[in-house]
Amino acid sequence: MGRITITRFLSPEDIIPDLVSGTKEEALAELAARVALRQPEISLADLLKILLERERLGSTGIGDGVAIPHGKVKNAKELMLVFGRSLPGVDFNSLDGRPAQLFFLLVAPDQAVGEHLKMLARISRILKDPTTRRKLLDAPDAAAVYNVIKEQDSSY
């Protein structure tokens, strides 16, 4: 399988630089809609249900303005990532109580346990860096966001 990289599963079309959502549920729906658009075999309703169930176990808002909602879906062909950014922020019940501004939605096939965990770790490691978070917030558009992610992805 080789090294797992974010840009292997994230394309510039999977970046939403200006989420319009004001609530956690809306943000999840907005991100999930992009997955359903790109992988039509995945039902938006089913995906949303999976993501909301995961959130009930504990928020995927990891703090520092970052949330990594994730779930495993039967019909997923491979890992898929969607990145979203909300400059005003969304209350995501994050561990530190701060609104989330940077979102990585990770959807994985049921059987992709190892890949799923490696990708979560990789995303967390990259977004731990305050400079990277600042660059993602300051990027003017989806292409610039993608370039920041690509640059960080190749340096790990």
N, C-alpha and C. Protein backbone atom coordinates (compact mmCIF):
# COMPACT_ATOMS: atom_id res chain seq x y z
N MET A 1 0.83 -1.20 0.00
CA MET A 1 0.00 0.00 0.00
C MET A 1 0.87 1.25 0.00
N GLY A 2 2.06 1.17 0.59
CA GLY A 2 2.93 2.35 0.62
C GLY A 2 2.48 3.34 1.68
N ARG A 3 3.12 4.49 1.66
CA ARG A 3 2.83 5.52 2.64
C ARG A 3 1.48 6.16 2.37
N ILE A 4 0.74 6.34 3.41
CA ILE A 4 -0.58 6.98 3.25
C ILE A 4 -0.36 8.50 3.25
N THR A 5 -0.87 9.16 2.23
CA THR A 5 -0.77 10.61 2.18
C THR A 5 -2.17 11.20 2.02
N ILE A 6 -2.33 12.38 2.54
CA ILE A 6 -3.62 13.07 2.47
C ILE A 6 -3.98 13.36 1.02
N THR A 7 -3.00 13.84 0.25
CA THR A 7 -3.30 14.26 -1.12
C THR A 7 -3.61 13.08 -2.05
N ARG A 8 -3.34 11.87 -1.59
CA ARG A 8 -3.74 10.70 -2.38
C ARG A 8 -5.27 10.54 -2.37
N PHE A 9 -5.90 11.03 -1.30
CA PHE A 9 -7.35 10.86 -1.14
C PHE A 9 -8.12 12.18 -1.14
N LEU A 10 -7.41 13.28 -1.30
CA LEU A 10 -8.05 14.61 -1.30
C LEU A 10 -7.66 15.32 -2.59
N SER A 11 -8.66 15.75 -3.35
CA SER A 11 -8.35 16.52 -4.56
C SER A 11 -8.82 17.96 -4.33
N PRO A 12 -8.36 18.88 -5.17
CA PRO A 12 -8.78 20.28 -4.99
C PRO A 12 -10.31 20.45 -5.03
N GLU A 13 -11.01 19.56 -5.77
CA GLU A 13 -12.48 19.64 -5.84
C GLU A 13 -13.14 19.24 -4.52
N ASP A 14 -12.38 18.62 -3.63
CA ASP A 14 -12.92 18.17 -2.35
C ASP A 14 -12.68 19.19 -1.24
N ILE A 15 -12.35 20.41 -1.63
CA ILE A 15 -12.09 21.46 -0.64
C ILE A 15 -13.21 22.50 -0.72
N ILE A 16 -13.82 22.77 0.42
CA ILE A 16 -14.87 23.79 0.52
C ILE A 16 -14.28 24.94 1.36
N PRO A 17 -13.81 26.00 0.69
CA PRO A 17 -13.09 27.05 1.43
C PRO A 17 -13.99 27.94 2.28
N ASP A 18 -15.30 27.93 2.01
CA ASP A 18 -16.21 28.80 2.75
C ASP A 18 -17.48 28.05 3.12
N LEU A 19 -17.40 27.23 4.16
CA LEU A 19 -18.60 26.54 4.64
C LEU A 19 -19.61 27.58 5.07
N VAL A 20 -20.88 27.36 4.73
CA VAL A 20 -21.91 28.33 5.10
C VAL A 20 -22.65 27.91 6.37
N SER A 21 -22.35 26.72 6.85
CA SER A 21 -23.05 26.15 8.00
C SER A 21 -22.83 26.94 9.28
N GLY A 22 -23.88 26.98 10.08
CA GLY A 22 -23.78 27.64 11.37
C GLY A 22 -23.82 26.67 12.54
N THR A 23 -24.20 25.42 12.29
CA THR A 23 -24.27 24.44 13.37
C THR A 23 -23.46 23.19 13.01
N LYS A 24 -23.21 22.40 14.02
CA LYS A 24 -22.47 21.16 13.83
C LYS A 24 -23.17 20.25 12.81
N GLU A 25 -24.49 20.08 12.96
CA GLU A 25 -25.26 19.21 12.06
C GLU A 25 -25.20 19.72 10.62
N GLU A 26 -25.32 21.05 10.46
CA GLU A 26 -25.26 21.64 9.11
C GLU A 26 -23.87 21.44 8.50
N ALA A 27 -22.83 21.62 9.31
CA ALA A 27 -21.46 21.45 8.81
C ALA A 27 -21.24 20.01 8.36
N LEU A 28 -21.70 19.06 9.15
CA LEU A 28 -21.57 17.65 8.77
C LEU A 28 -22.32 17.37 7.47
N ALA A 29 -23.53 17.93 7.33
CA ALA A 29 -24.33 17.73 6.12
C ALA A 29 -23.65 18.35 4.90
N GLU A 30 -23.06 19.53 5.08
CA GLU A 30 -22.39 20.21 3.97
C GLU A 30 -21.17 19.43 3.50
N LEU A 31 -20.39 18.92 4.44
CA LEU A 31 -19.22 18.11 4.10
C LEU A 31 -19.63 16.77 3.48
N ALA A 32 -20.64 16.14 4.08
CA ALA A 32 -21.10 14.83 3.60
C ALA A 32 -21.69 14.93 2.19
N ALA A 33 -22.32 16.06 1.88
CA ALA A 33 -22.91 16.24 0.55
C ALA A 33 -21.83 16.17 -0.53
N ARG A 34 -20.63 16.65 -0.22
CA ARG A 34 -19.53 16.60 -1.19
C ARG A 34 -19.11 15.14 -1.43
N VAL A 35 -19.11 14.34 -0.37
CA VAL A 35 -18.77 12.91 -0.50
C VAL A 35 -19.81 12.24 -1.40
N ALA A 36 -21.08 12.48 -1.14
CA ALA A 36 -22.16 11.85 -1.90
C ALA A 36 -22.11 12.28 -3.37
N LEU A 37 -21.68 13.50 -3.61
CA LEU A 37 -21.55 14.00 -4.98
C LEU A 37 -20.43 13.25 -5.71
N ARG A 38 -19.33 13.02 -5.01
CA ARG A 38 -18.15 12.40 -5.62
C ARG A 38 -18.24 10.87 -5.65
N GLN A 39 -18.98 10.29 -4.72
CA GLN A 39 -19.17 8.83 -4.70
C GLN A 39 -20.67 8.56 -4.58
N PRO A 40 -21.38 8.58 -5.70
CA PRO A 40 -22.85 8.47 -5.69
C PRO A 40 -23.38 7.18 -5.06
N GLU A 41 -22.54 6.16 -4.97
CA GLU A 41 -23.00 4.91 -4.33
C GLU A 41 -23.15 5.07 -2.82
N ILE A 42 -22.66 6.16 -2.27
CA ILE A 42 -22.81 6.43 -0.84
C ILE A 42 -24.05 7.30 -0.65
N SER A 43 -24.97 6.82 0.16
CA SER A 43 -26.19 7.57 0.45
C SER A 43 -25.88 8.70 1.44
N LEU A 44 -26.29 9.91 1.07
CA LEU A 44 -26.07 11.08 1.93
C LEU A 44 -26.74 10.87 3.29
N ALA A 45 -27.96 10.36 3.28
CA ALA A 45 -28.70 10.14 4.54
C ALA A 45 -27.97 9.14 5.43
N ASP A 46 -27.50 8.04 4.83
CA ASP A 46 -26.78 7.02 5.61
C ASP A 46 -25.48 7.59 6.17
N LEU A 47 -24.75 8.32 5.34
CA LEU A 47 -23.47 8.90 5.78
C LEU A 47 -23.70 9.87 6.93
N LEU A 48 -24.70 10.71 6.80
CA LEU A 48 -25.00 11.68 7.85
C LEU A 48 -25.35 10.98 9.16
N LYS A 49 -26.13 9.92 9.05
CA LYS A 49 -26.50 9.14 10.23
C LYS A 49 -25.25 8.56 10.91
N ILE A 50 -24.34 8.01 10.13
CA ILE A 50 -23.09 7.44 10.65
C ILE A 50 -22.26 8.52 11.35
N LEU A 51 -22.16 9.69 10.71
CA LEU A 51 -21.36 10.78 11.29
C LEU A 51 -21.97 11.30 12.59
N LEU A 52 -23.30 11.44 12.61
CA LEU A 52 -23.97 11.93 13.82
C LEU A 52 -23.86 10.91 14.95
N GLU A 53 -23.95 9.61 14.61
CA GLU A 53 -23.77 8.57 15.64
C GLU A 53 -22.36 8.65 16.22
N ARG A 54 -21.37 8.87 15.35
CA ARG A 54 -19.99 8.98 15.82
C ARG A 54 -19.84 10.18 16.75
N GLU A 55 -20.48 11.29 16.41
CA GLU A 55 -20.40 12.50 17.25
C GLU A 55 -21.05 12.28 18.62
N ARG A 56 -22.08 11.45 18.66
CA ARG A 56 -22.73 11.16 19.95
C ARG A 56 -21.79 10.42 20.90
N LEU A 57 -20.85 9.67 20.35
CA LEU A 57 -19.87 8.96 21.19
C LEU A 57 -18.88 9.94 21.82
N GLY A 58 -18.70 11.06 21.18
CA GLY A 58 -17.75 12.07 21.65
C GLY A 58 -17.41 12.95 20.47
N SER A 59 -17.26 14.24 20.71
CA SER A 59 -17.01 15.17 19.61
C SER A 59 -15.71 14.86 18.90
N THR A 60 -15.73 15.00 17.58
CA THR A 60 -14.50 14.87 16.81
C THR A 60 -13.82 16.24 16.67
N GLY A 61 -14.34 17.22 17.40
CA GLY A 61 -13.67 18.52 17.50
C GLY A 61 -12.50 18.34 18.45
N ILE A 62 -11.27 18.31 17.89
CA ILE A 62 -10.10 17.95 18.72
C ILE A 62 -9.46 19.16 19.38
N GLY A 63 -10.00 20.35 19.13
CA GLY A 63 -9.45 21.56 19.74
C GLY A 63 -8.61 22.35 18.75
N ASP A 64 -8.19 23.54 19.17
CA ASP A 64 -7.39 24.44 18.33
C ASP A 64 -8.11 24.77 17.02
N GLY A 65 -9.44 24.78 17.04
CA GLY A 65 -10.19 25.14 15.84
C GLY A 65 -10.28 24.03 14.80
N VAL A 66 -9.97 22.79 15.20
CA VAL A 66 -9.92 21.67 14.26
C VAL A 66 -10.97 20.61 14.62
N ALA A 67 -11.63 20.07 13.59
CA ALA A 67 -12.53 18.93 13.77
C ALA A 67 -12.24 17.91 12.68
N ILE A 68 -12.23 16.64 13.06
CA ILE A 68 -11.99 15.56 12.09
C ILE A 68 -13.13 14.55 12.18
N PRO A 69 -14.31 14.95 11.69
CA PRO A 69 -15.41 13.99 11.69
C PRO A 69 -15.07 12.80 10.79
N HIS A 70 -15.46 11.61 11.20
CA HIS A 70 -15.12 10.44 10.40
C HIS A 70 -16.10 9.31 10.63
N GLY A 71 -16.15 8.42 9.66
CA GLY A 71 -17.03 7.28 9.79
C GLY A 71 -16.71 6.24 8.74
N LYS A 72 -17.15 5.02 9.02
CA LYS A 72 -16.96 3.92 8.08
C LYS A 72 -18.28 3.64 7.39
N VAL A 73 -18.21 3.47 6.08
CA VAL A 73 -19.40 3.30 5.26
C VAL A 73 -19.26 2.04 4.41
N LYS A 74 -20.30 1.23 4.42
CA LYS A 74 -20.28 -0.04 3.66
C LYS A 74 -19.95 0.17 2.19
N ASN A 75 -20.61 1.12 1.55
CA ASN A 75 -20.49 1.26 0.09
C ASN A 75 -19.27 2.05 -0.37
N ALA A 76 -18.46 2.55 0.55
CA ALA A 76 -17.29 3.33 0.13
C ALA A 76 -16.29 2.42 -0.58
N LYS A 77 -15.77 2.91 -1.71
CA LYS A 77 -14.81 2.13 -2.49
C LYS A 77 -13.41 2.24 -1.90
N GLU A 78 -13.09 3.44 -1.41
CA GLU A 78 -11.78 3.69 -0.82
C GLU A 78 -11.92 4.87 0.15
N LEU A 79 -10.84 5.16 0.85
CA LEU A 79 -10.86 6.33 1.72
C LEU A 79 -11.23 7.56 0.90
N MET A 80 -11.93 8.46 1.52
CA MET A 80 -12.21 9.73 0.86
C MET A 80 -12.14 10.84 1.89
N LEU A 81 -11.54 11.94 1.50
CA LEU A 81 -11.42 13.10 2.37
C LEU A 81 -12.12 14.30 1.74
N VAL A 82 -12.74 15.10 2.60
CA VAL A 82 -13.26 16.40 2.19
C VAL A 82 -12.75 17.38 3.24
N PHE A 83 -12.23 18.50 2.78
CA PHE A 83 -11.75 19.55 3.68
C PHE A 83 -12.71 20.71 3.61
N GLY A 84 -13.07 21.25 4.76
CA GLY A 84 -13.93 22.42 4.80
C GLY A 84 -13.35 23.46 5.75
N ARG A 85 -13.64 24.72 5.44
CA ARG A 85 -13.15 25.81 6.29
C ARG A 85 -14.29 26.76 6.57
N SER A 86 -14.42 27.14 7.84
CA SER A 86 -15.42 28.12 8.26
C SER A 86 -14.69 29.22 9.01
N LEU A 87 -14.53 30.37 8.39
CA LEU A 87 -13.79 31.46 9.05
C LEU A 87 -14.50 31.93 10.33
N PRO A 88 -15.85 32.06 10.32
CA PRO A 88 -16.50 32.44 11.59
C PRO A 88 -16.45 31.32 12.63
N GLY A 89 -16.31 30.09 12.18
CA GLY A 89 -16.26 28.96 13.11
C GLY A 89 -17.64 28.40 13.40
N VAL A 90 -17.64 27.13 13.81
CA VAL A 90 -18.87 26.41 14.13
C VAL A 90 -18.68 25.77 15.50
N ASP A 91 -19.69 25.92 16.37
CA ASP A 91 -19.61 25.26 17.66
C ASP A 91 -19.69 23.75 17.43
N PHE A 92 -18.62 23.05 17.74
CA PHE A 92 -18.53 21.62 17.43
C PHE A 92 -18.36 20.81 18.72
N ASN A 93 -18.69 21.43 19.86
CA ASN A 93 -18.49 20.78 21.17
C ASN A 93 -17.05 20.29 21.30
N SER A 94 -16.12 21.11 20.82
CA SER A 94 -14.71 20.73 20.84
C SER A 94 -14.20 20.58 22.26
N LEU A 95 -13.13 19.81 22.40
CA LEU A 95 -12.56 19.52 23.72
C LEU A 95 -12.17 20.80 24.45
N ASP A 96 -11.69 21.82 23.70
CA ASP A 96 -11.26 23.06 24.36
C ASP A 96 -12.35 24.13 24.37
N GLY A 97 -13.56 23.78 23.88
CA GLY A 97 -14.67 24.72 23.91
C GLY A 97 -14.65 25.77 22.81
N ARG A 98 -13.58 25.78 22.00
CA ARG A 98 -13.49 26.78 20.92
C ARG A 98 -14.22 26.29 19.67
N PRO A 99 -14.74 27.23 18.86
CA PRO A 99 -15.40 26.81 17.62
C PRO A 99 -14.39 26.17 16.66
N ALA A 100 -14.89 25.26 15.83
CA ALA A 100 -14.03 24.63 14.82
C ALA A 100 -14.08 25.46 13.54
N GLN A 101 -12.93 25.65 12.94
CA GLN A 101 -12.83 26.39 11.68
C GLN A 101 -12.30 25.52 10.54
N LEU A 102 -11.50 24.52 10.90
CA LEU A 102 -10.89 23.64 9.91
C LEU A 102 -11.43 22.23 10.09
N PHE A 103 -12.00 21.69 9.03
CA PHE A 103 -12.65 20.38 9.10
C PHE A 103 -12.04 19.43 8.07
N PHE A 104 -11.70 18.25 8.50
CA PHE A 104 -11.34 17.17 7.59
C PHE A 104 -12.36 16.08 7.81
N LEU A 105 -13.18 15.82 6.83
CA LEU A 105 -14.12 14.71 6.91
C LEU A 105 -13.44 13.50 6.27
N LEU A 106 -13.36 12.40 7.02
CA LEU A 106 -12.76 11.17 6.54
C LEU A 106 -13.84 10.09 6.47
N VAL A 107 -14.03 9.55 5.27
CA VAL A 107 -14.96 8.45 5.07
C VAL A 107 -14.14 7.25 4.62
N ALA A 108 -14.35 6.12 5.28
CA ALA A 108 -13.56 4.93 4.97
C ALA A 108 -14.47 3.74 4.73
N PRO A 109 -14.01 2.80 3.89
CA PRO A 109 -14.76 1.56 3.74
C PRO A 109 -14.73 0.79 5.06
N ASP A 110 -15.75 -0.02 5.29
CA ASP A 110 -15.83 -0.82 6.53
C ASP A 110 -14.54 -1.55 6.87
N GLN A 111 -13.91 -2.14 5.86
CA GLN A 111 -12.75 -3.00 6.10
C GLN A 111 -11.43 -2.25 6.23
N ALA A 112 -11.41 -0.95 6.07
CA ALA A 112 -10.16 -0.17 6.04
C ALA A 112 -9.73 0.32 7.41
N VAL A 113 -9.61 -0.57 8.37
CA VAL A 113 -9.29 -0.14 9.73
C VAL A 113 -7.92 0.51 9.84
N GLY A 114 -6.89 -0.17 9.37
CA GLY A 114 -5.53 0.36 9.48
C GLY A 114 -5.35 1.68 8.74
N GLU A 115 -5.82 1.73 7.50
CA GLU A 115 -5.72 2.95 6.69
C GLU A 115 -6.44 4.10 7.37
N HIS A 116 -7.61 3.82 7.88
CA HIS A 116 -8.46 4.80 8.55
C HIS A 116 -7.70 5.44 9.72
N LEU A 117 -7.10 4.60 10.56
CA LEU A 117 -6.37 5.10 11.73
C LEU A 117 -5.11 5.85 11.34
N LYS A 118 -4.40 5.35 10.33
CA LYS A 118 -3.18 6.04 9.86
C LYS A 118 -3.53 7.43 9.33
N MET A 119 -4.64 7.51 8.59
CA MET A 119 -5.03 8.81 8.03
C MET A 119 -5.44 9.78 9.14
N LEU A 120 -6.19 9.31 10.13
CA LEU A 120 -6.56 10.18 11.26
C LEU A 120 -5.30 10.72 11.94
N ALA A 121 -4.32 9.85 12.15
CA ALA A 121 -3.07 10.26 12.81
C ALA A 121 -2.33 11.29 11.96
N ARG A 122 -2.30 11.06 10.66
CA ARG A 122 -1.58 11.97 9.76
C ARG A 122 -2.23 13.36 9.75
N ILE A 123 -3.55 13.38 9.65
CA ILE A 123 -4.27 14.67 9.65
C ILE A 123 -4.02 15.39 10.97
N SER A 124 -4.14 14.67 12.08
CA SER A 124 -3.92 15.28 13.41
C SER A 124 -2.53 15.88 13.51
N ARG A 125 -1.53 15.13 13.05
CA ARG A 125 -0.14 15.58 13.16
C ARG A 125 0.06 16.87 12.37
N ILE A 126 -0.47 16.92 11.16
CA ILE A 126 -0.30 18.11 10.33
C ILE A 126 -1.03 19.32 10.94
N LEU A 127 -2.23 19.09 11.47
CA LEU A 127 -3.02 20.21 12.00
C LEU A 127 -2.64 20.62 13.43
N LYS A 128 -1.71 19.88 14.04
CA LYS A 128 -1.21 20.29 15.36
C LYS A 128 -0.35 21.54 15.25
N ASP A 129 0.24 21.75 14.09
CA ASP A 129 1.15 22.87 13.88
C ASP A 129 0.38 24.18 13.71
N PRO A 130 0.58 25.13 14.65
CA PRO A 130 -0.16 26.40 14.58
C PRO A 130 0.11 27.17 13.28
N THR A 131 1.32 27.08 12.74
CA THR A 131 1.65 27.78 11.50
C THR A 131 0.83 27.22 10.34
N THR A 132 0.69 25.91 10.30
CA THR A 132 -0.12 25.27 9.24
C THR A 132 -1.58 25.70 9.36
N ARG A 133 -2.10 25.71 10.58
CA ARG A 133 -3.49 26.13 10.78
C ARG A 133 -3.69 27.57 10.30
N ARG A 134 -2.73 28.43 10.63
CA ARG A 134 -2.82 29.84 10.23
C ARG A 134 -2.80 29.96 8.70
N LYS A 135 -1.90 29.20 8.04
CA LYS A 135 -1.82 29.24 6.57
C LYS A 135 -3.14 28.77 5.94
N LEU A 136 -3.75 27.75 6.53
CA LEU A 136 -5.02 27.24 6.00
C LEU A 136 -6.13 28.29 6.16
N LEU A 137 -6.12 29.00 7.27
CA LEU A 137 -7.13 30.04 7.50
C LEU A 137 -6.91 31.25 6.59
N ASP A 138 -5.64 31.54 6.29
CA ASP A 138 -5.31 32.72 5.48
C ASP A 138 -5.38 32.46 3.97
N ALA A 139 -5.41 31.20 3.56
CA ALA A 139 -5.41 30.89 2.12
C ALA A 139 -6.62 31.52 1.44
N PRO A 140 -6.41 32.19 0.29
CA PRO A 140 -7.50 32.93 -0.35
C PRO A 140 -8.55 32.06 -1.02
N ASP A 141 -8.22 30.83 -1.41
CA ASP A 141 -9.18 30.01 -2.14
C ASP A 141 -8.84 28.52 -2.00
N ALA A 142 -9.66 27.69 -2.63
CA ALA A 142 -9.50 26.23 -2.51
C ALA A 142 -8.14 25.77 -3.03
N ALA A 143 -7.67 26.36 -4.12
CA ALA A 143 -6.38 25.95 -4.69
C ALA A 143 -5.25 26.23 -3.70
N ALA A 144 -5.31 27.40 -3.05
CA ALA A 144 -4.27 27.76 -2.08
C ALA A 144 -4.34 26.85 -0.85
N VAL A 145 -5.56 26.51 -0.41
CA VAL A 145 -5.73 25.58 0.71
C VAL A 145 -5.09 24.24 0.35
N TYR A 146 -5.39 23.76 -0.86
CA TYR A 146 -4.84 22.48 -1.31
C TYR A 146 -3.31 22.51 -1.31
N ASN A 147 -2.74 23.62 -1.77
CA ASN A 147 -1.28 23.74 -1.81
C ASN A 147 -0.65 23.69 -0.43
N VAL A 148 -1.30 24.31 0.55
CA VAL A 148 -0.80 24.26 1.93
C VAL A 148 -0.82 22.81 2.43
N ILE A 149 -1.93 22.12 2.17
CA ILE A 149 -2.05 20.73 2.61
C ILE A 149 -1.00 19.86 1.93
N LYS A 150 -0.84 20.07 0.61
CA LYS A 150 0.13 19.30 -0.16
C LYS A 150 1.56 19.51 0.37
N GLU A 151 1.88 20.77 0.65
CA GLU A 151 3.20 21.11 1.16
C GLU A 151 3.46 20.42 2.50
N GLN A 152 2.48 20.47 3.40
CA GLN A 152 2.63 19.84 4.71
C GLN A 152 2.65 18.32 4.59
N ASP A 153 1.83 17.80 3.71
CA ASP A 153 1.70 16.35 3.51
C ASP A 153 3.01 15.74 3.05
N SER A 154 3.75 16.48 2.21
CA SER A 154 4.98 15.92 1.68
C SER A 154 6.15 16.09 2.66
N SER A 155 5.98 16.94 3.68
CA SER A 155 7.09 17.15 4.62
C SER A 155 7.05 16.19 5.80
N TYR A 156 6.02 15.33 5.87
CA TYR A 156 5.94 14.37 6.98
C TYR A 156 6.32 12.99 6.55
